[in-house]
C-alpha atoms as a PDB file:
ATOM      1  CA  ALA A   1       0.175  -0.124   0.121  1.00  0.00           C
ATOM      2  CA  VAL A   2       2.865   2.384   0.741  1.00  0.00           C
ATOM      3  CA  LEU A   3       4.499   1.473  -2.307  1.00  0.00           C
ATOM      4  CA  ARG A   4       1.097   2.892  -4.365  1.00  0.00           C
ATOM      5  CA  HIS A   5       0.682   5.874  -2.581  1.00  0.00           C
ATOM      6  CA  LYS A   6       3.285   8.392  -2.010  1.00  0.00           C
ATOM      7  CA  ASP A   7       1.012  10.590   0.181  1.00  0.00           C
ATOM      8  CA  SER A   8      -0.207   8.209   2.265  1.00  0.00           C
ATOM      9  CA  TYR A   9       3.688   7.449   3.358  1.00  0.00           C
ATOM     10  CA  ARG A  10       4.112  11.448   3.712  1.00  0.00           C
ATOM     11  CA  LEU A  11       1.368  10.721   6.558  1.00  0.00           C
ATOM     12  CA  LEU A  12       3.175   7.746   8.317  1.00  0.00           C
ATOM     13  CA  CYS A  13       6.527   9.584   8.784  1.00  0.00           C
ATOM     14  CA  LEU A  14       4.558  12.363  10.402  1.00  0.00           C
ATOM     15  CA  ASN A  15       3.341  10.321  12.721  1.00  0.00           C
ATOM     16  CA  PHE A  16       6.434   8.385  13.302  1.00  0.00           C
ATOM     17  CA  GLU A  17       8.624  11.653  13.750  1.00  0.00           C
ATOM     18  CA  ALA A  18       5.666  12.032  16.382  1.00  0.00           C
ATOM     19  CA  VAL A  19       6.515   8.496  17.764  1.00  0.00           C
ATOM     20  CA  PRO A  20       9.557   7.881  18.359  1.00  0.00           C
ATOM     21  CA  LEU A  21       9.454   4.193  19.432  1.00  0.00           C
ATOM     22  CA  LYS A  22       8.162   3.701  15.601  1.00  0.00           C
ATOM     23  CA  ARG A  23      11.159   5.330  13.641  1.00  0.00           C
ATOM     24  CA  ALA A  24      12.556   1.359  13.372  1.00  0.00           C
ATOM     25  CA  VAL A  25       9.641   1.349  11.095  1.00  0.00           C
ATOM     26  CA  LYS A  26       9.549   4.252   9.291  1.00  0.00           C
ATOM     27  CA  GLU A  27      13.298   3.392   8.438  1.00  0.00           C
ATOM     28  CA  LYS A  28      12.669   0.027   6.966  1.00  0.00           C
ATOM     29  CA  VAL A  29       9.955   1.739   4.644  1.00  0.00           C
ATOM     30  CA  ASP A  30      12.759   4.408   3.451  1.00  0.00           C
ATOM     31  CA  VAL A  31      14.980   1.261   2.780  1.00  0.00           C
ATOM     32  CA  LEU A  32      11.882  -0.304   0.505  1.00  0.00           C
ATOM     33  CA  LEU A  33      11.093   3.045  -1.216  1.00  0.00           C
ATOM     34  CA  LEU A  34      14.936   4.027  -1.481  1.00  0.00           C
ATOM     35  CA  SER A  35      15.379   0.613  -3.055  1.00  0.00           C
ATOM     36  CA  THR A  36      12.229   0.851  -5.865  1.00  0.00           C
ATOM     37  CA  ALA A  37      13.607   4.714  -6.635  1.00  0.00           C
ATOM     38  CA  LEU A  38      10.134   6.157  -4.790  1.00  0.00           C
ATOM     39  CA  LEU A  39      11.028   8.199  -1.959  1.00  0.00           C
ATOM     40  CA  PRO A  40      12.220  11.667  -3.204  1.00  0.00           C
ATOM     41  CA  LYS A  41      15.692  12.709  -3.264  1.00  0.00           C
ATOM     42  CA  SER A  42      14.859  16.042  -0.489  1.00  0.00           C
ATOM     43  CA  GLN A  43      13.380  13.144   1.460  1.00  0.00           C
ATOM     44  CA  GLN A  44      15.721  10.653   1.768  1.00  0.00           C
ATOM     45  CA  PRO A  45      17.747  10.389   5.198  1.00  0.00           C
ATOM     46  CA  LYS A  46      21.264  11.732   5.139  1.00  0.00           C
ATOM     47  CA  ASN A  47      23.087   9.240   8.024  1.00  0.00           C
ATOM     48  CA  LEU A  48      21.299   6.058   5.605  1.00  0.00           C
ATOM     49  CA  PRO A  49      23.146   2.964   7.108  1.00  0.00           C
ATOM     50  CA  LEU A  50      25.743   0.880   4.381  1.00  0.00           C
ATOM     51  CA  GLU A  51      23.047  -1.591   3.413  1.00  0.00           C
ATOM     52  CA  LYS A  52      21.238   1.502   2.213  1.00  0.00           C
ATOM     53  CA  LYS A  53      23.427   3.682   0.486  1.00  0.00           C
ATOM     54  CA  LYS A  54      24.527   0.484  -1.376  1.00  0.00           C
ATOM     55  CA  VAL A  55      20.707   0.179  -2.306  1.00  0.00           C
ATOM     56  CA  GLY A  56      21.034   3.899  -3.816  1.00  0.00           C
ATOM     57  CA  ALA A  57      24.567   3.410  -5.528  1.00  0.00           C
ATOM     58  CA  ALA A  58      23.301   0.379  -7.212  1.00  0.00           C
ATOM     59  CA  LEU A  59      20.059   2.036  -8.660  1.00  0.00           C
ATOM     60  CA  GLU A  60      21.681   5.022  -9.892  1.00  0.00           C
ATOM     61  CA  LYS A  61      24.445   2.749 -11.117  1.00  0.00           C
ATOM     62  CA  ASP A  62      22.135   1.266 -13.452  1.00  0.00           C
ATOM     63  CA  LYS A  63      20.449   4.445 -14.574  1.00  0.00           C
ATOM     64  CA  LYS A  64      23.944   5.556 -16.044  1.00  0.00           C
ATOM     65  CA  SER A  65      23.882   1.970 -17.422  1.00  0.00           C
ATOM     66  CA  ALA A  66      21.078   2.287 -19.047  1.00  0.00           C
ATOM     67  CA  LEU A  67      21.532   5.575 -20.430  1.00  0.00           C
ATOM     68  CA  SER A  68      25.219   4.445 -21.782  1.00  0.00           C
ATOM     69  CA  ASP A  69      23.995   1.276 -23.462  1.00  0.00           C
ATOM     70  CA  THR A  70      21.227   3.412 -25.158  1.00  0.00           C
ATOM     71  CA  MET A  71      23.853   6.419 -26.379  1.00  0.00           C
ATOM     72  CA  GLN A  72      26.128   3.351 -27.823  1.00  0.00           C
ATOM     73  CA  LYS A  73      23.243   1.685 -29.780  1.00  0.00           C
ATOM     74  CA  TYR A  74      22.838   4.924 -30.754  1.00  0.00           C
ATOM     75  CA  LYS A  75      26.687   5.400 -32.236  1.00  0.00           C
ATOM     76  CA  ASN A  76      26.059   2.114 -33.310  1.00  0.00           C
ATOM     77  CA  ILE A  77      23.424   2.743 -35.734  1.00  0.00           C
ATOM     78  CA  LEU A  78      25.070   3.803 -39.648  1.00  0.00           C
ATOM     79  CA  PRO A  79      25.649   7.278 -40.084  1.00  0.00           C
ATOM     80  CA  LEU A  80      23.806   7.953 -42.725  1.00  0.00           C
ATOM     81  CA  THR A  81      20.221   5.958 -41.418  1.00  0.00           C
ATOM     82  CA  ARG A  82      21.842   7.384 -37.640  1.00  0.00           C
ATOM     83  CA  VAL A  83      20.927  10.890 -39.221  1.00  0.00           C
ATOM     84  CA  TYR A  84      17.981  10.302 -41.219  1.00  0.00           C
ATOM     85  CA  ILE A  85      16.598   9.289 -38.069  1.00  0.00           C
ATOM     86  CA  THR A  86      17.499  11.910 -35.660  1.00  0.00           C
ATOM     87  CA  LEU A  87      16.227  14.016 -38.557  1.00  0.00           C
ATOM     88  CA  VAL A  88      12.536  12.447 -38.139  1.00  0.00           C
ATOM     89  CA  GLY A  89      12.357  12.717 -34.542  1.00  0.00           C
ATOM     90  CA  ALA A  90      13.634  16.665 -34.475  1.00  0.00           C
ATOM     91  CA  VAL A  91      10.733  17.350 -37.213  1.00  0.00           C
ATOM     92  CA  THR A  92       8.273  14.890 -35.241  1.00  0.00           C
ATOM     93  CA  LEU A  93       9.090  16.864 -31.984  1.00  0.00           C
ATOM     94  CA  LEU A  94       9.339  20.193 -33.818  1.00  0.00           C
ATOM     95  CA  GLY A  95       5.305  19.180 -35.213  1.00  0.00           C
ATOM     96  CA  LEU A  96       4.309  18.812 -32.354  1.00  0.00           C
ATOM     97  CA  LEU A  97       5.376  22.202 -30.860  1.00  0.00           C
ATOM     98  CA  LEU A  98       3.560  23.677 -34.047  1.00  0.00           C
ATOM     99  CA  GLY A  99       0.634  22.226 -33.978  1.00  0.00           C
ATOM    100  CA  GLU A 100      -1.104  20.844 -37.029  1.00  0.00           C
ATOM    101  CA  GLU A 101      -2.001  24.092 -38.983  1.00  0.00           C
ATOM    102  CA  LEU A 102       1.776  25.829 -38.302  1.00  0.00           C
ATOM    103  CA  THR A 103       3.036  22.259 -39.414  1.00  0.00           C
ATOM    104  CA  GLN A 104       1.317  22.356 -42.667  1.00  0.00           C
ATOM    105  CA  GLY A 105       2.423  26.125 -42.765  1.00  0.00           C
ATOM    106  CA  LEU A 106       5.909  25.785 -42.130  1.00  0.00           C
ATOM    107  CA  LEU A 107       7.168  21.649 -42.807  1.00  0.00           C
ATOM    108  CA  ALA A 108       4.881  20.908 -45.996  1.00  0.00           C
ATOM    109  CA  LEU A 109       6.352  20.779 -49.504  1.00  0.00           C
ATOM    110  CA  ASP A 110       4.569  23.779 -51.237  1.00  0.00           C
ATOM    111  CA  PRO A 111       6.260  24.150 -54.788  1.00  0.00           C
ATOM    112  CA  ILE A 112       5.362  28.402 -54.687  1.00  0.00           C
ATOM    113  CA  ARG A 113       7.581  28.789 -51.091  1.00  0.00           C
ATOM    114  CA  VAL A 114       9.790  26.349 -52.834  1.00  0.00           C
ATOM    115  CA  THR A 115      10.646  28.263 -56.109  1.00  0.00           C
ATOM    116  CA  TYR A 116       9.573  31.732 -55.219  1.00  0.00           C
ATOM    117  CA  GLY A 117      10.409  32.069 -51.592  1.00  0.00           C
ATOM    118  CA  LEU A 118      13.865  29.874 -51.865  1.00  0.00           C
ATOM    119  CA  GLU A 119      12.205  27.848 -48.489  1.00  0.00           C
ATOM    120  CA  MET A 120      14.863  24.709 -49.817  1.00  0.00           C
ATOM    121  CA  TRP A 121      14.007  23.213 -45.928  1.00  0.00           C
ATOM    122  CA  ARG A 122      10.678  22.042 -47.500  1.00  0.00           C
ATOM    123  CA  PRO A 123      11.535  18.441 -49.506  1.00  0.00           C
ATOM    124  CA  PHE A 124      13.721  17.389 -46.616  1.00  0.00           C
ATOM    125  CA  THR A 125      11.440  18.004 -43.978  1.00  0.00           C
ATOM    126  CA  ALA A 126       8.315  16.648 -46.311  1.00  0.00           C
ATOM    127  CA  ALA A 127      10.715  13.531 -46.676  1.00  0.00           C
ATOM    128  CA  CYS A 128      11.205  13.575 -42.609  1.00  0.00           C
ATOM    129  CA  PHE A 129       7.499  13.902 -41.387  1.00  0.00           C
ATOM    130  CA  LEU A 130       5.888  10.967 -40.241  1.00  0.00           C
ATOM    131  CA  GLY A 131       2.955  12.113 -38.929  1.00  0.00           C
ATOM    132  CA  PRO A 132       2.526  13.022 -35.151  1.00  0.00           C
ATOM    133  CA  PRO A 133       3.374  10.248 -32.332  1.00  0.00           C
ATOM    134  CA  SER A 134       1.431   7.117 -32.358  1.00  0.00           C
ATOM    135  CA  ILE A 135       1.596   3.281 -32.756  1.00  0.00           C
ATOM    136  CA  GLY A 136       1.366   4.092 -36.831  1.00  0.00           C
ATOM    137  CA  TRP A 137       4.169   6.178 -36.227  1.00  0.00           C
ATOM    138  CA  LEU A 138       6.422   4.217 -34.505  1.00  0.00           C
ATOM    139  CA  MET A 139       5.871   1.232 -36.892  1.00  0.00           C
ATOM    140  CA  SER A 140       6.940   3.559 -39.615  1.00  0.00           C
ATOM    141  CA  ALA A 141      10.089   4.617 -37.752  1.00  0.00           C
ATOM    142  CA  TYR A 142      11.146   0.985 -37.883  1.00  0.00           C
ATOM    143  CA  TYR A 143      10.896   0.107 -40.794  1.00  0.00           C
ATOM    144  CA  LEU A 144      13.079   3.134 -42.001  1.00  0.00           C
ATOM    145  CA  PHE A 145      15.294   2.025 -39.434  1.00  0.00           C
ATOM    146  CA  GLU A 146      15.439  -0.989 -40.449  1.00  0.00           C
ATOM    147  CA  TYR A 147      15.425  -1.055 -44.512  1.00  0.00           C
ATOM    148  CA  GLY A 148      17.685   1.951 -44.132  1.00  0.00           C
ATOM    149  CA  SER A 149      19.991   0.269 -42.479  1.00  0.00           C
ATOM    150  CA  SER A 150      19.536  -2.532 -45.352  1.00  0.00           C
ATOM    151  CA  LEU A 151      20.586  -0.504 -47.662  1.00  0.00           C
ATOM    152  CA  GLU A 152      23.208   1.705 -46.422  1.00  0.00           C
ATOM    153  CA  ARG A 153      24.909  -1.948 -45.103  1.00  0.00           C
ATOM    154  CA  ALA A 154      24.040  -3.844 -48.311  1.00  0.00           C
ATOM    155  CA  TYR A 155      25.511  -0.765 -50.999  1.00  0.00           C
ATOM    156  CA  GLY A 156      27.462   1.547 -48.955  1.00  0.00           C
ATOM    157  CA  THR A 157      27.088   4.527 -47.530  1.00  0.00           C
ATOM    158  CA  ALA A 158      28.028   6.774 -50.493  1.00  0.00           C
ATOM    159  CA  GLN A 159      25.386   5.003 -52.430  1.00  0.00           C
ATOM    160  CA  HIS A 160      22.619   5.068 -50.161  1.00  0.00           C
ATOM    161  CA  ALA A 161      23.073   9.231 -50.074  1.00  0.00           C
ATOM    162  CA  VAL A 162      22.776   8.936 -53.904  1.00  0.00           C
ATOM    163  CA  PHE A 163      19.584   6.969 -53.200  1.00  0.00           C
ATOM    164  CA  LEU A 164      18.114   8.960 -50.455  1.00  0.00           C
ATOM    165  CA  LEU A 165      18.884  12.524 -52.779  1.00  0.00           C
ATOM    166  CA  GLY A 166      17.419  10.681 -55.488  1.00  0.00           C
ATOM    167  CA  GLN A 167      14.296   9.467 -53.686  1.00  0.00           C
ATOM    168  CA  VAL A 168      13.891  13.317 -52.306  1.00  0.00           C
ATOM    169  CA  PHE A 169      13.840  14.834 -55.427  1.00  0.00           C
ATOM    170  CA  LEU A 170      11.778  12.154 -57.632  1.00  0.00           C
ATOM    171  CA  LEU A 171       8.767  12.282 -54.717  1.00  0.00           C
ATOM    172  CA  SER A 172       8.920  15.655 -54.502  1.00  0.00           C
ATOM    173  CA  VAL A 173       8.171  16.078 -57.911  1.00  0.00           C
ATOM    174  CA  PHE A 174       5.198  13.139 -57.862  1.00  0.00           C
ATOM    175  CA  SER A 175       4.263  14.742 -54.574  1.00  0.00           C
ATOM    176  CA  VAL A 176       3.937  18.148 -56.118  1.00  0.00           C
ATOM    177  CA  LEU A 177       1.847  16.440 -59.228  1.00  0.00           C
ATOM    178  CA  PHE A 178      -0.241  14.471 -56.972  1.00  0.00           C
ATOM    179  CA  GLY A 179      -0.807  17.094 -54.064  1.00  0.00           C
ATOM    180  CA  GLN A 180       0.881  14.918 -51.346  1.00  0.00           C
ATOM    181  CA  PRO A 181       2.244  17.513 -48.288  1.00  0.00           C
ATOM    182  CA  PHE A 182       4.541  14.824 -47.175  1.00  0.00           C
ATOM    183  CA  PHE A 183       6.143  11.959 -48.256  1.00  0.00           C
ATOM    184  CA  ALA A 184       8.174  10.103 -45.511  1.00  0.00           C
ATOM    185  CA  ASN A 185       5.900   6.828 -46.080  1.00  0.00           C
ATOM    186  CA  SER A 186       6.808   7.189 -49.957  1.00  0.00           C
ATOM    187  CA  VAL A 187      10.373   6.745 -49.176  1.00  0.00           C
ATOM    188  CA  ILE A 188      10.175   3.467 -46.724  1.00  0.00           C
ATOM    189  CA  THR A 189       8.261   2.256 -49.634  1.00  0.00           C
ATOM    190  CA  ALA A 190      11.027   2.996 -52.133  1.00  0.00           C
ATOM    191  CA  MET A 191      13.570   1.256 -49.972  1.00  0.00           C
ATOM    192  CA  LEU A 192      11.633  -1.784 -49.653  1.00  0.00           C
ATOM    193  CA  HIS A 193      10.577  -2.157 -52.838  1.00  0.00           C
ATOM    194  CA  VAL A 194      14.720  -1.846 -54.156  1.00  0.00           C
ATOM    195  CA  LEU A 195      15.541  -4.412 -51.349  1.00  0.00           C
ATOM    196  CA  SER A 196      12.654  -6.858 -52.486  1.00  0.00           C
ATOM    197  CA  ARG A 197      13.593  -6.590 -56.144  1.00  0.00           C
ATOM    198  CA  SER A 198      17.653  -7.508 -55.538  1.00  0.00           C
ATOM    199  CA  MET A 199      16.409 -10.804 -54.333  1.00  0.00           C
ATOM    200  CA  PRO A 200      13.011 -10.977 -55.581  1.00  0.00           C
ATOM    201  CA  ASN A 201      12.039 -14.930 -54.713  1.00  0.00           C
ATOM    202  CA  GLN A 202      13.351 -14.709 -51.579  1.00  0.00           C
ATOM    203  CA  LYS A 203      10.794 -16.463 -48.777  1.00  0.00           C
ATOM    204  CA  VAL A 204       9.908 -13.635 -45.878  1.00  0.00           C
ATOM    205  CA  LYS A 205       7.537 -13.511 -43.314  1.00  0.00           C
ATOM    206  CA  TRP A 206       4.780 -11.281 -43.604  1.00  0.00           C
ATOM    207  CA  LEU A 207       2.413 -11.097 -40.099  1.00  0.00           C
ATOM    208  CA  ILE A 208       1.383 -14.613 -40.238  1.00  0.00           C
ATOM    209  CA  PHE A 209       1.968 -15.561 -43.880  1.00  0.00           C
ATOM    210  CA  THR A 210       4.696 -16.408 -45.943  1.00  0.00           C
ATOM    211  CA  VAL A 211       5.229 -14.252 -49.324  1.00  0.00           C
ATOM    212  CA  PRO A 212       8.008 -13.689 -51.795  1.00  0.00           C
ATOM    213  CA  TYR A 213      10.012 -10.749 -51.001  1.00  0.00           C
ATOM    214  CA  TRP A 214       8.783  -8.625 -54.509  1.00  0.00           C
ATOM    215  CA  SER A 215       5.644  -8.817 -52.886  1.00  0.00           C
ATOM    216  CA  LEU A 216       5.828  -7.013 -49.245  1.00  0.00           C
ATOM    217  CA  PRO A 217       5.502  -3.298 -50.671  1.00  0.00           C
ATOM    218  CA  TYR A 218       2.101  -4.724 -52.383  1.00  0.00           C
ATOM    219  CA  GLY A 219       1.208  -6.371 -48.544  1.00  0.00           C
ATOM    220  CA  LEU A 220       2.220  -2.889 -46.794  1.00  0.00           C
ATOM    221  CA  MET A 221      -0.189  -0.558 -48.773  1.00  0.00           C
ATOM    222  CA  ALA A 222      -2.509  -3.734 -48.689  1.00  0.00           C
ATOM    223  CA  SER A 223      -2.597  -3.766 -44.571  1.00  0.00           C
ATOM    224  CA  ASP A 224      -2.248   0.789 -44.682  1.00  0.00           C
ATOM    225  CA  VAL A 225      -5.610   0.585 -47.028  1.00  0.00           C
ATOM    226  CA  LEU A 226      -7.088  -1.583 -44.639  1.00  0.00           C
ATOM    227  CA  GLN A 227      -6.294  -0.050 -41.587  1.00  0.00           C
ATOM    228  CA  ALA A 228      -7.716   3.355 -43.186  1.00  0.00           C
ATOM    229  CA  GLY A 229     -10.495   2.233 -45.321  1.00  0.00           C
ATOM    230  CA  SER A 230      -9.885   4.053 -47.757  1.00  0.00           C
ATOM    231  CA  ALA A 231      -8.256   2.906 -51.623  1.00  0.00           C
ATOM    232  CA  ALA A 232      -6.308   6.543 -51.027  1.00  0.00           C
ATOM    233  CA  ALA A 233      -3.747   5.461 -48.524  1.00  0.00           C
ATOM    234  CA  ALA A 234      -2.281   3.775 -51.569  1.00  0.00           C
ATOM    235  CA  LEU A 235      -1.075   6.179 -53.429  1.00  0.00           C
ATOM    236  CA  PRO A 236       1.750   7.227 -51.310  1.00  0.00           C
ATOM    237  CA  HIS A 237       3.146   3.263 -51.347  1.00  0.00           C
ATOM    238  CA  VAL A 238       2.420   3.551 -55.470  1.00  0.00           C
ATOM    239  CA  LEU A 239       4.623   6.970 -55.650  1.00  0.00           C
ATOM    240  CA  GLY A 240       6.924   4.983 -53.532  1.00  0.00           C
ATOM    241  CA  ILE A 241       7.322   1.923 -56.231  1.00  0.00           C
ATOM    242  CA  LEU A 242       7.549   4.214 -59.093  1.00  0.00           C
ATOM    243  CA  SER A 243      10.358   6.200 -57.626  1.00  0.00           C
ATOM    244  CA  GLY A 244      12.422   2.992 -55.693  1.00  0.00           C
ATOM    245  CA  HIS A 245      11.568   1.279 -59.483  1.00  0.00           C
ATOM    246  CA  PHE A 246      13.545   4.069 -61.332  1.00  0.00           C
ATOM    247  CA  TYR A 247      16.343   3.868 -58.943  1.00  0.00           C
ATOM    248  CA  PHE A 248      16.483  -0.076 -58.887  1.00  0.00           C
ATOM    249  CA  PHE A 249      16.236   0.058 -62.875  1.00  0.00           C
ATOM    250  CA  HIS A 250      18.852   2.791 -63.823  1.00  0.00           C
ATOM    251  CA  LYS A 251      21.167   1.634 -61.346  1.00  0.00           C
ATOM    252  CA  PHE A 252      21.070  -2.423 -61.241  1.00  0.00           C
ATOM    253  CA  VAL A 253      19.514  -3.225 -64.720  1.00  0.00           C
ATOM    254  CA  TRP A 254      20.715  -0.646 -67.427  1.00  0.00           C
ATOM    255  CA  PRO A 255      23.929  -0.987 -67.026  1.00  0.00           C
ATOM    256  CA  LYS A 256      23.627  -4.729 -67.597  1.00  0.00           C
ATOM    257  CA  LEU A 257      21.957  -3.783 -71.046  1.00  0.00           C
ATOM    258  CA  GLY A 258      24.546  -1.441 -72.281  1.00  0.00           C
ATOM    259  CA  GLY A 259      24.173   1.501 -70.721  1.00  0.00           C
ATOM    260  CA  GLU A 260      25.755   4.486 -68.216  1.00  0.00           C
ATOM    261  CA  ASP A 261      25.750   3.688 -64.511  1.00  0.00           C
ATOM    262  CA  TRP A 262      25.101   7.220 -63.753  1.00  0.00           C
ATOM    263  CA  LEU A 263      23.762   6.938 -60.143  1.00  0.00           C
ATOM    264  CA  ALA A 264      27.195   5.330 -59.262  1.00  0.00           C
ATOM    265  CA  ALA A 265      27.895   7.242 -55.825  1.00  0.00           C
ATOM    266  CA  PRO A 266      30.662  10.418 -56.972  1.00  0.00           C
ATOM    267  CA  ASP A 267      34.217   9.780 -55.882  1.00  0.00           C
ATOM    268  CA  PHE A 268      34.392  12.668 -53.072  1.00  0.00           C
ATOM    269  CA  LEU A 269      31.714  11.132 -51.722  1.00  0.00           C
ATOM    270  CA  VAL A 270      32.910   7.392 -51.964  1.00  0.00           C
ATOM    271  CA  GLN A 271      36.175   8.553 -50.454  1.00  0.00           C
ATOM    272  CA  ARG A 272      34.745  10.379 -47.568  1.00  0.00           C
ATOM    273  CA  PHE A 273      32.511   7.741 -46.523  1.00  0.00           C
ATOM    274  CA  ASP A 274      33.207   4.728 -47.776  1.00  0.00           C
ATOM    275  CA  PRO A 275      37.321   5.001 -48.659  1.00  0.00           C
ATOM    276  CA  SER A 276      37.667   1.113 -48.086  1.00  0.00           C
ATOM    277  CA  ALA A 277      35.558   0.083 -50.691  1.00  0.00           C
END
């Protein structure tokens, strides 16, 4: 009961101070609360026994260890994927602070403001905004991390930079034509499409089904349509499949047919990000 009700504990503390015979009981309650990190630091006794100090030190060490592990995992993310995930988090936080109307006004893709107002950040914020935090946002962020990491690991950071910049350009054009203010979900579908075309017949698990890899982007599109209850939810995925296929064809198919690989990463990017490649 004490653990569930801090206010009751404070009343108990006042009673214990008034009755000296019960201070031993209060000390035991202090140890219990300290061990569960419920006792505020301002109310922690200064003359704790050695056992109590050990409990507090262990808790502080665990907190520092958890924070250190989290930061280490963040640093271990591949560089370009880490930058993208960080931008998604920053733009999401900015969207929460601005509210829906200001978010649309400042972050959405607006071709007139980009062209005449030179608001060149809009294509990039449109590629990073996944909407307000929700279960769908969490799943999209996970897909972005998973597929982005797979592409960057497979083809290198320099080539992944070319892919992302190409997607931002193509999807900006497509989104203007089809009236889409944000296209982060289209980038995710483009990533998945390129990965699926690299090994189309590999069997993968999707929900409770085993399906060929090439069908996964369409499965993701179908699930979003069913959840939204509207065929309009398919449009971001269609645009992502088109832009992803444009990249895949010109990067991997066209050179095999004798064409030029004009999507190869420039030498300065390779030397900067993949010097050992």
